[in-house]
Amino acid sequence: MKTLAVALLLSLSGLVQAGQGCSDSETEPLELMNALELALKTQTTLQQAQAETAIIARVGQDLSKYGLRYSHLGLVQKEADGRYTVLHELNECGSDRSDLYVEGLGNFFLDDVLAFEVLILLPPVAVQQKLADLMRGPLARQMHHKKYNMLAYVFDTEYQNSNQWGLELLAHALSESPLTDRKSVQHWLKQQSFQPGVIEVGPVTRLGASVFKANVSFDDHPLKQRLKGKYQVVTVESVEQFLLKLQPDTQRIVLTH
């Protein structure tokens, strides 16, 4: 059965190299097996729910000191052949740039995960269909902004992080009126009382990040927040809470391996 699962998931993991980190270290066999088995559980769950699209999130790093469990989200869509692929924004090798990638589910769980656990959010069918149309059209890339900042301010267009891109595209599926660009999306999010996550960063950590990390910037945040060391960013948890508030019929599923 395990051999069958591995063979199946390898076939499902279309662009298996897309968006991988810059480490040259080889994947351990057990890690590969765990990632593929979690991917199989995820696909089975999506198939049983007859999902057209979904939001999924992984535990890529330990964010418990910030009160967070999930670090990175992606948008899942069902392909014509029945496979599920993940569309998401990824930082390029710790630089100040990012790009969009399409990956198989297996690959999504192989990118330096801390724990083999996935959060699945299934919006109502109408929202799923609208999101599917957006993901297949040009808007997904139009909403992408290459200047990457891990701590991008939620209501500013200077930078963008991965979760922010996902939220901003999802906003188009949730809004009843057309949204034109990132600025209009962020204005709509304010109107809908979107509550971002708050990350506290002390002055010593902030100085080190500013000097040594190209993918971390603080200059887009309001001065008052910078002085307090509190930074409002888009987290997986904040996206989840927002979606459940606007679409309370959204199904929440957690799978582990």
C-alpha atoms as a PDB file:
ATOM      1  CA  MET A   1       0.000   0.000   0.000  1.00  0.00           C
ATOM      2  CA  LYS A   2       2.804   2.417   0.863  1.00  0.00           C
ATOM      3  CA  THR A   3       4.526   1.653  -2.430  1.00  0.00           C
ATOM      4  CA  LEU A   4       1.297   2.399  -4.252  1.00  0.00           C
ATOM      5  CA  ALA A   5       0.875   5.663  -2.326  1.00  0.00           C
ATOM      6  CA  VAL A   6       4.384   6.810  -3.220  1.00  0.00           C
ATOM      7  CA  ALA A   7       3.928   5.961  -6.885  1.00  0.00           C
ATOM      8  CA  LEU A   8       0.583   7.731  -6.996  1.00  0.00           C
ATOM      9  CA  LEU A   9       1.798  10.888  -5.277  1.00  0.00           C
ATOM     10  CA  LEU A  10       4.921  11.096  -7.397  1.00  0.00           C
ATOM     11  CA  SER A  11       2.644  11.149 -10.417  1.00  0.00           C
ATOM     12  CA  LEU A  12       0.512  13.830  -8.791  1.00  0.00           C
ATOM     13  CA  SER A  13       3.402  16.089  -7.870  1.00  0.00           C
ATOM     14  CA  GLY A  14       3.614  17.662 -11.327  1.00  0.00           C
ATOM     15  CA  LEU A  15       6.265  20.366 -11.034  1.00  0.00           C
ATOM     16  CA  VAL A  16       8.276  18.642  -8.324  1.00  0.00           C
ATOM     17  CA  GLN A  17      11.165  21.115  -8.456  1.00  0.00           C
ATOM     18  CA  ALA A  18       9.136  24.322  -8.563  1.00  0.00           C
ATOM     19  CA  GLY A  19       9.757  26.728  -5.733  1.00  0.00           C
ATOM     20  CA  GLN A  20      12.104  24.547  -3.733  1.00  0.00           C
ATOM     21  CA  GLY A  21      14.458  26.170  -1.257  1.00  0.00           C
ATOM     22  CA  CYS A  22      18.088  26.856  -2.142  1.00  0.00           C
ATOM     23  CA  SER A  23      19.573  24.118   0.030  1.00  0.00           C
ATOM     24  CA  ASP A  24      21.400  21.333  -1.775  1.00  0.00           C
ATOM     25  CA  SER A  25      20.702  18.811   0.988  1.00  0.00           C
ATOM     26  CA  GLU A  26      18.960  15.610  -0.064  1.00  0.00           C
ATOM     27  CA  THR A  27      15.502  14.731   1.189  1.00  0.00           C
ATOM     28  CA  GLU A  28      15.530  11.870   3.665  1.00  0.00           C
ATOM     29  CA  PRO A  29      13.443   8.823   2.614  1.00  0.00           C
ATOM     30  CA  LEU A  30      11.256   9.035   5.743  1.00  0.00           C
ATOM     31  CA  GLU A  31      10.616  12.731   5.129  1.00  0.00           C
ATOM     32  CA  LEU A  32       9.650  11.973   1.534  1.00  0.00           C
ATOM     33  CA  MET A  33       7.319   9.185   2.649  1.00  0.00           C
ATOM     34  CA  ASN A  34       5.655  11.383   5.288  1.00  0.00           C
ATOM     35  CA  ALA A  35       5.174  14.255   2.837  1.00  0.00           C
ATOM     36  CA  LEU A  36       3.658  12.029   0.169  1.00  0.00           C
ATOM     37  CA  GLU A  37       1.352  10.232   2.595  1.00  0.00           C
ATOM     38  CA  LEU A  38       0.097  13.561   3.969  1.00  0.00           C
ATOM     39  CA  ALA A  39      -0.400  14.727   0.391  1.00  0.00           C
ATOM     40  CA  LEU A  40      -2.419  11.585  -0.337  1.00  0.00           C
ATOM     41  CA  LYS A  41      -4.601  12.178   2.728  1.00  0.00           C
ATOM     42  CA  THR A  42      -5.086  15.779   1.617  1.00  0.00           C
ATOM     43  CA  GLN A  43      -6.059  14.806  -1.918  1.00  0.00           C
ATOM     44  CA  THR A  44      -8.467  12.129  -0.673  1.00  0.00           C
ATOM     45  CA  THR A  45     -10.115  14.663   1.645  1.00  0.00           C
ATOM     46  CA  LEU A  46     -10.455  17.189  -1.182  1.00  0.00           C
ATOM     47  CA  GLN A  47     -11.902  14.540  -3.508  1.00  0.00           C
ATOM     48  CA  GLN A  48     -14.427  13.390  -0.931  1.00  0.00           C
ATOM     49  CA  ALA A  49     -15.503  17.005  -0.413  1.00  0.00           C
ATOM     50  CA  GLN A  50     -15.727  17.453  -4.202  1.00  0.00           C
ATOM     51  CA  ALA A  51     -13.640  20.581  -3.771  1.00  0.00           C
ATOM     52  CA  GLU A  52     -13.031  22.813  -6.761  1.00  0.00           C
ATOM     53  CA  THR A  53     -10.639  24.997  -4.801  1.00  0.00           C
ATOM     54  CA  ALA A  54      -9.447  25.309  -1.203  1.00  0.00           C
ATOM     55  CA  ILE A  55      -7.013  27.172   0.999  1.00  0.00           C
ATOM     56  CA  ILE A  56      -4.333  25.020   2.603  1.00  0.00           C
ATOM     57  CA  ALA A  57      -1.532  25.887   5.013  1.00  0.00           C
ATOM     58  CA  ARG A  58       1.560  24.097   6.296  1.00  0.00           C
ATOM     59  CA  VAL A  59       3.706  24.270   9.437  1.00  0.00           C
ATOM     60  CA  GLY A  60       6.949  25.380   7.825  1.00  0.00           C
ATOM     61  CA  GLN A  61       8.673  26.826  10.870  1.00  0.00           C
ATOM     62  CA  ASP A  62       8.163  27.221  14.605  1.00  0.00           C
ATOM     63  CA  LEU A  63       6.131  30.398  15.147  1.00  0.00           C
ATOM     64  CA  SER A  64       4.792  29.413  18.558  1.00  0.00           C
ATOM     65  CA  LYS A  65       6.492  32.377  20.259  1.00  0.00           C
ATOM     66  CA  TYR A  66       4.192  34.586  18.183  1.00  0.00           C
ATOM     67  CA  GLY A  67       1.131  32.506  19.032  1.00  0.00           C
ATOM     68  CA  LEU A  68       0.966  31.075  15.509  1.00  0.00           C
ATOM     69  CA  ARG A  69       0.822  27.498  14.244  1.00  0.00           C
ATOM     70  CA  TYR A  70       0.840  27.770  10.446  1.00  0.00           C
ATOM     71  CA  SER A  71       3.466  29.679   8.508  1.00  0.00           C
ATOM     72  CA  HIS A  72       2.535  29.518   4.828  1.00  0.00           C
ATOM     73  CA  LEU A  73      -0.642  29.176   2.784  1.00  0.00           C
ATOM     74  CA  GLY A  74      -1.381  28.192  -0.762  1.00  0.00           C
ATOM     75  CA  LEU A  75      -4.457  28.053  -2.962  1.00  0.00           C
ATOM     76  CA  VAL A  76      -5.468  24.613  -4.217  1.00  0.00           C
ATOM     77  CA  GLN A  77      -7.306  23.996  -7.457  1.00  0.00           C
ATOM     78  CA  LYS A  78      -8.639  20.874  -9.162  1.00  0.00           C
ATOM     79  CA  GLU A  79      -7.124  20.213 -12.572  1.00  0.00           C
ATOM     80  CA  ALA A  80      -9.000  18.792 -15.542  1.00  0.00           C
ATOM     81  CA  ASP A  81      -7.465  15.345 -14.966  1.00  0.00           C
ATOM     82  CA  GLY A  82      -8.607  15.274 -11.324  1.00  0.00           C
ATOM     83  CA  ARG A  83      -5.251  16.152  -9.745  1.00  0.00           C
ATOM     84  CA  TYR A  84      -5.011  18.938  -7.176  1.00  0.00           C
ATOM     85  CA  THR A  85      -2.225  21.480  -7.518  1.00  0.00           C
ATOM     86  CA  VAL A  86      -1.137  24.346  -5.287  1.00  0.00           C
ATOM     87  CA  LEU A  87      -0.640  27.904  -6.527  1.00  0.00           C
ATOM     88  CA  HIS A  88       1.373  30.032  -4.111  1.00  0.00           C
ATOM     89  CA  GLU A  89       3.953  32.777  -3.783  1.00  0.00           C
ATOM     90  CA  LEU A  90       7.464  31.801  -2.705  1.00  0.00           C
ATOM     91  CA  ASN A  91      10.450  33.891  -1.687  1.00  0.00           C
ATOM     92  CA  GLU A  92      13.441  33.287  -3.948  1.00  0.00           C
ATOM     93  CA  CYS A  93      16.380  31.981  -1.904  1.00  0.00           C
ATOM     94  CA  GLY A  94      16.097  34.493   0.933  1.00  0.00           C
ATOM     95  CA  SER A  95      16.308  37.441  -1.488  1.00  0.00           C
ATOM     96  CA  ASP A  96      14.014  40.460  -1.709  1.00  0.00           C
ATOM     97  CA  ARG A  97      12.174  38.896  -4.664  1.00  0.00           C
ATOM     98  CA  SER A  98       9.380  36.343  -5.058  1.00  0.00           C
ATOM     99  CA  ASP A  99       7.467  34.541  -7.765  1.00  0.00           C
ATOM    100  CA  LEU A 100       4.358  32.399  -8.179  1.00  0.00           C
ATOM    101  CA  TYR A 101       4.680  28.626  -8.467  1.00  0.00           C
ATOM    102  CA  VAL A 102       2.383  25.731  -9.281  1.00  0.00           C
ATOM    103  CA  GLU A 103       3.244  22.551  -7.373  1.00  0.00           C
ATOM    104  CA  GLY A 104       1.833  19.140  -6.656  1.00  0.00           C
ATOM    105  CA  LEU A 105       0.580  18.471  -3.147  1.00  0.00           C
ATOM    106  CA  GLY A 106       3.559  16.233  -2.376  1.00  0.00           C
ATOM    107  CA  ASN A 107       6.028  19.002  -3.122  1.00  0.00           C
ATOM    108  CA  PHE A 108       4.082  21.474  -0.989  1.00  0.00           C
ATOM    109  CA  PHE A 109       4.835  19.385   2.103  1.00  0.00           C
ATOM    110  CA  LEU A 110       8.512  18.871   1.301  1.00  0.00           C
ATOM    111  CA  ASP A 111       9.663  22.482   1.601  1.00  0.00           C
ATOM    112  CA  ASP A 112      11.434  22.546   5.010  1.00  0.00           C
ATOM    113  CA  VAL A 113       8.369  21.636   7.063  1.00  0.00           C
ATOM    114  CA  LEU A 114       8.514  21.601  10.847  1.00  0.00           C
ATOM    115  CA  ALA A 115       5.529  19.262  11.293  1.00  0.00           C
ATOM    116  CA  PHE A 116       3.540  17.147   8.871  1.00  0.00           C
ATOM    117  CA  GLU A 117       0.222  18.864   9.432  1.00  0.00           C
ATOM    118  CA  VAL A 118      -2.091  20.703   7.071  1.00  0.00           C
ATOM    119  CA  LEU A 119      -4.950  23.119   7.601  1.00  0.00           C
ATOM    120  CA  ILE A 120      -7.636  22.910   4.904  1.00  0.00           C
ATOM    121  CA  LEU A 121     -10.290  25.620   4.518  1.00  0.00           C
ATOM    122  CA  LEU A 122     -13.196  24.807   2.187  1.00  0.00           C
ATOM    123  CA  PRO A 123     -15.336  27.871   1.400  1.00  0.00           C
ATOM    124  CA  PRO A 124     -18.903  27.503   0.103  1.00  0.00           C
ATOM    125  CA  VAL A 125     -19.217  26.233  -3.478  1.00  0.00           C
ATOM    126  CA  ALA A 126     -19.946  29.661  -4.986  1.00  0.00           C
ATOM    127  CA  VAL A 127     -16.757  31.117  -3.496  1.00  0.00           C
ATOM    128  CA  GLN A 128     -14.767  28.072  -4.609  1.00  0.00           C
ATOM    129  CA  GLN A 129     -15.935  28.497  -8.192  1.00  0.00           C
ATOM    130  CA  LYS A 130     -15.173  32.199  -8.243  1.00  0.00           C
ATOM    131  CA  LEU A 131     -11.724  31.554  -6.803  1.00  0.00           C
ATOM    132  CA  ALA A 132     -11.110  28.850  -9.432  1.00  0.00           C
ATOM    133  CA  ASP A 133     -11.903  31.310 -12.223  1.00  0.00           C
ATOM    134  CA  LEU A 134      -9.530  33.865 -10.710  1.00  0.00           C
ATOM    135  CA  MET A 135      -6.716  31.334 -10.350  1.00  0.00           C
ATOM    136  CA  ARG A 136      -7.038  30.236 -13.980  1.00  0.00           C
ATOM    137  CA  GLY A 137      -7.218  33.800 -15.294  1.00  0.00           C
ATOM    138  CA  PRO A 138      -4.627  36.599 -15.450  1.00  0.00           C
ATOM    139  CA  LEU A 139      -5.602  38.179 -12.114  1.00  0.00           C
ATOM    140  CA  ALA A 140      -3.553  35.764 -10.000  1.00  0.00           C
ATOM    141  CA  ARG A 141      -0.342  37.067 -11.524  1.00  0.00           C
ATOM    142  CA  GLN A 142      -1.570  40.644 -11.720  1.00  0.00           C
ATOM    143  CA  MET A 143      -2.051  40.587  -7.946  1.00  0.00           C
ATOM    144  CA  HIS A 144       1.494  39.314  -7.425  1.00  0.00           C
ATOM    145  CA  HIS A 145       4.132  41.869  -6.403  1.00  0.00           C
ATOM    146  CA  LYS A 146       7.744  40.742  -6.797  1.00  0.00           C
ATOM    147  CA  LYS A 147       9.227  42.885  -4.013  1.00  0.00           C
ATOM    148  CA  TYR A 148       9.129  40.435  -1.125  1.00  0.00           C
ATOM    149  CA  ASN A 149       9.113  41.208   2.578  1.00  0.00           C
ATOM    150  CA  MET A 150       8.469  38.519   5.174  1.00  0.00           C
ATOM    151  CA  LEU A 151       6.966  41.197   7.436  1.00  0.00           C
ATOM    152  CA  ALA A 152       5.131  43.182   4.741  1.00  0.00           C
ATOM    153  CA  TYR A 153       2.678  45.683   6.236  1.00  0.00           C
ATOM    154  CA  VAL A 154      -0.830  44.456   5.572  1.00  0.00           C
ATOM    155  CA  PHE A 155      -2.189  47.802   4.311  1.00  0.00           C
ATOM    156  CA  ASP A 156       0.686  48.902   2.071  1.00  0.00           C
ATOM    157  CA  THR A 157       1.660  47.989  -1.499  1.00  0.00           C
ATOM    158  CA  GLU A 158       5.443  48.538  -1.216  1.00  0.00           C
ATOM    159  CA  TYR A 159       6.084  44.848  -0.562  1.00  0.00           C
ATOM    160  CA  GLN A 160       4.172  41.581  -0.405  1.00  0.00           C
ATOM    161  CA  ASN A 161       4.569  38.298   1.446  1.00  0.00           C
ATOM    162  CA  SER A 162       3.183  34.896   0.504  1.00  0.00           C
ATOM    163  CA  ASN A 163       0.153  34.951   2.779  1.00  0.00           C
ATOM    164  CA  GLN A 164      -0.642  38.505   1.714  1.00  0.00           C
ATOM    165  CA  TRP A 165      -0.790  37.497  -1.944  1.00  0.00           C
ATOM    166  CA  GLY A 166      -3.156  34.646  -1.072  1.00  0.00           C
ATOM    167  CA  LEU A 167      -5.420  36.920   0.945  1.00  0.00           C
ATOM    168  CA  GLU A 168      -5.496  39.627  -1.698  1.00  0.00           C
ATOM    169  CA  LEU A 169      -6.531  37.170  -4.414  1.00  0.00           C
ATOM    170  CA  LEU A 170      -9.076  35.579  -2.081  1.00  0.00           C
ATOM    171  CA  ALA A 171     -10.532  39.061  -1.460  1.00  0.00           C
ATOM    172  CA  HIS A 172     -11.591  39.210  -5.116  1.00  0.00           C
ATOM    173  CA  ALA A 173     -13.561  35.992  -4.623  1.00  0.00           C
ATOM    174  CA  LEU A 174     -15.187  37.292  -1.435  1.00  0.00           C
ATOM    175  CA  SER A 175     -16.038  40.825  -2.569  1.00  0.00           C
ATOM    176  CA  GLU A 176     -19.449  41.421  -4.100  1.00  0.00           C
ATOM    177  CA  SER A 177     -18.144  44.409  -6.063  1.00  0.00           C
ATOM    178  CA  PRO A 178     -15.189  44.519  -8.481  1.00  0.00           C
ATOM    179  CA  LEU A 179     -11.751  45.351  -7.075  1.00  0.00           C
ATOM    180  CA  THR A 180      -9.194  46.890  -9.409  1.00  0.00           C
ATOM    181  CA  ASP A 181      -5.734  46.716  -7.856  1.00  0.00           C
ATOM    182  CA  ARG A 182      -3.855  45.977  -4.621  1.00  0.00           C
ATOM    183  CA  LYS A 183      -4.689  49.371  -3.151  1.00  0.00           C
ATOM    184  CA  SER A 184      -8.435  48.876  -3.713  1.00  0.00           C
ATOM    185  CA  VAL A 185      -8.191  45.364  -2.233  1.00  0.00           C
ATOM    186  CA  GLN A 186      -6.503  46.679   0.903  1.00  0.00           C
ATOM    187  CA  HIS A 187      -9.119  49.423   1.200  1.00  0.00           C
ATOM    188  CA  TRP A 188     -11.837  46.760   0.978  1.00  0.00           C
ATOM    189  CA  LEU A 189     -10.094  44.664   3.632  1.00  0.00           C
ATOM    190  CA  LYS A 190     -10.124  47.688   5.954  1.00  0.00           C
ATOM    191  CA  GLN A 191     -13.819  48.227   5.271  1.00  0.00           C
ATOM    192  CA  GLN A 192     -14.469  44.575   6.153  1.00  0.00           C
ATOM    193  CA  SER A 193     -12.511  45.004   9.416  1.00  0.00           C
ATOM    194  CA  PHE A 194      -9.798  42.536   8.523  1.00  0.00           C
ATOM    195  CA  GLN A 195      -7.672  41.924  11.625  1.00  0.00           C
ATOM    196  CA  PRO A 196      -4.030  41.204  10.774  1.00  0.00           C
ATOM    197  CA  GLY A 197      -1.637  39.237  12.927  1.00  0.00           C
ATOM    198  CA  VAL A 198       0.681  41.257  15.169  1.00  0.00           C
ATOM    199  CA  ILE A 199       4.327  40.201  15.290  1.00  0.00           C
ATOM    200  CA  GLU A 200       6.474  41.681  18.049  1.00  0.00           C
ATOM    201  CA  VAL A 201      10.128  42.208  17.114  1.00  0.00           C
ATOM    202  CA  GLY A 202      12.600  43.666  19.606  1.00  0.00           C
ATOM    203  CA  PRO A 203      15.187  46.311  18.604  1.00  0.00           C
ATOM    204  CA  VAL A 204      18.167  43.932  18.607  1.00  0.00           C
ATOM    205  CA  THR A 205      16.400  41.376  16.427  1.00  0.00           C
ATOM    206  CA  ARG A 206      15.132  44.168  14.205  1.00  0.00           C
ATOM    207  CA  LEU A 207      18.627  45.563  13.686  1.00  0.00           C
ATOM    208  CA  GLY A 208      20.053  42.147  12.834  1.00  0.00           C
ATOM    209  CA  ALA A 209      17.272  41.417  10.363  1.00  0.00           C
ATOM    210  CA  SER A 210      17.677  44.809   8.690  1.00  0.00           C
ATOM    211  CA  VAL A 211      21.411  44.277   8.214  1.00  0.00           C
ATOM    212  CA  PHE A 212      21.628  40.590   7.347  1.00  0.00           C
ATOM    213  CA  LYS A 213      18.293  39.537   5.793  1.00  0.00           C
ATOM    214  CA  ALA A 214      17.328  40.760   2.331  1.00  0.00           C
ATOM    215  CA  ASN A 215      13.803  39.355   2.713  1.00  0.00           C
ATOM    216  CA  VAL A 216      12.933  41.326   5.877  1.00  0.00           C
ATOM    217  CA  SER A 217      12.134  45.057   5.893  1.00  0.00           C
ATOM    218  CA  PHE A 218      10.396  47.321   8.386  1.00  0.00           C
ATOM    219  CA  ASP A 219      10.173  50.643   6.540  1.00  0.00           C
ATOM    220  CA  ASP A 220       6.651  50.140   5.177  1.00  0.00           C
ATOM    221  CA  HIS A 221       5.110  49.990   8.660  1.00  0.00           C
ATOM    222  CA  PRO A 222       3.731  53.139  10.336  1.00  0.00           C
ATOM    223  CA  LEU A 223       6.282  54.858  12.570  1.00  0.00           C
ATOM    224  CA  LYS A 224       4.134  54.466  15.683  1.00  0.00           C
ATOM    225  CA  GLN A 225       4.057  50.687  15.232  1.00  0.00           C
ATOM    226  CA  ARG A 226       7.787  50.534  14.534  1.00  0.00           C
ATOM    227  CA  LEU A 227       8.544  52.404  17.750  1.00  0.00           C
ATOM    228  CA  LYS A 228       6.476  49.852  19.669  1.00  0.00           C
ATOM    229  CA  GLY A 229       8.087  46.957  17.836  1.00  0.00           C
ATOM    230  CA  LYS A 230       4.669  45.629  16.788  1.00  0.00           C
ATOM    231  CA  TYR A 231       4.165  44.779  13.137  1.00  0.00           C
ATOM    232  CA  GLN A 232       0.810  44.058  11.488  1.00  0.00           C
ATOM    233  CA  VAL A 233       1.179  41.318   8.891  1.00  0.00           C
ATOM    234  CA  VAL A 234      -0.977  38.779   7.091  1.00  0.00           C
ATOM    235  CA  THR A 235      -0.771  35.442   8.903  1.00  0.00           C
ATOM    236  CA  VAL A 236      -2.485  32.181   8.074  1.00  0.00           C
ATOM    237  CA  GLU A 237      -4.539  32.514  11.267  1.00  0.00           C
ATOM    238  CA  SER A 238      -5.709  36.008  10.328  1.00  0.00           C
ATOM    239  CA  VAL A 239      -6.809  34.777   6.881  1.00  0.00           C
ATOM    240  CA  GLU A 240      -8.650  31.868   8.493  1.00  0.00           C
ATOM    241  CA  GLN A 241     -10.478  34.108  10.982  1.00  0.00           C
ATOM    242  CA  PHE A 242     -11.431  36.561   8.229  1.00  0.00           C
ATOM    243  CA  LEU A 243     -12.765  33.848   5.932  1.00  0.00           C
ATOM    244  CA  LEU A 244     -14.795  32.235   8.713  1.00  0.00           C
ATOM    245  CA  LYS A 245     -16.246  35.633   9.639  1.00  0.00           C
ATOM    246  CA  LEU A 246     -17.372  36.432   6.087  1.00  0.00           C
ATOM    247  CA  GLN A 247     -18.245  32.862   5.123  1.00  0.00           C
ATOM    248  CA  PRO A 248     -19.253  31.021   8.324  1.00  0.00           C
ATOM    249  CA  ASP A 249     -20.191  27.902   6.334  1.00  0.00           C
ATOM    250  CA  THR A 250     -16.515  27.391   5.471  1.00  0.00           C
ATOM    251  CA  GLN A 251     -15.334  23.917   6.517  1.00  0.00           C
ATOM    252  CA  ARG A 252     -12.161  23.734   8.608  1.00  0.00           C
ATOM    253  CA  ILE A 253     -10.169  20.496   8.480  1.00  0.00           C
ATOM    254  CA  VAL A 254      -6.829  19.626  10.067  1.00  0.00           C
ATOM    255  CA  LEU A 255      -4.891  16.562   8.902  1.00  0.00           C
ATOM    256  CA  THR A 256      -1.691  15.200  10.443  1.00  0.00           C
ATOM    257  CA  HIS A 257       0.748  12.427   9.762  1.00  0.00           C
END
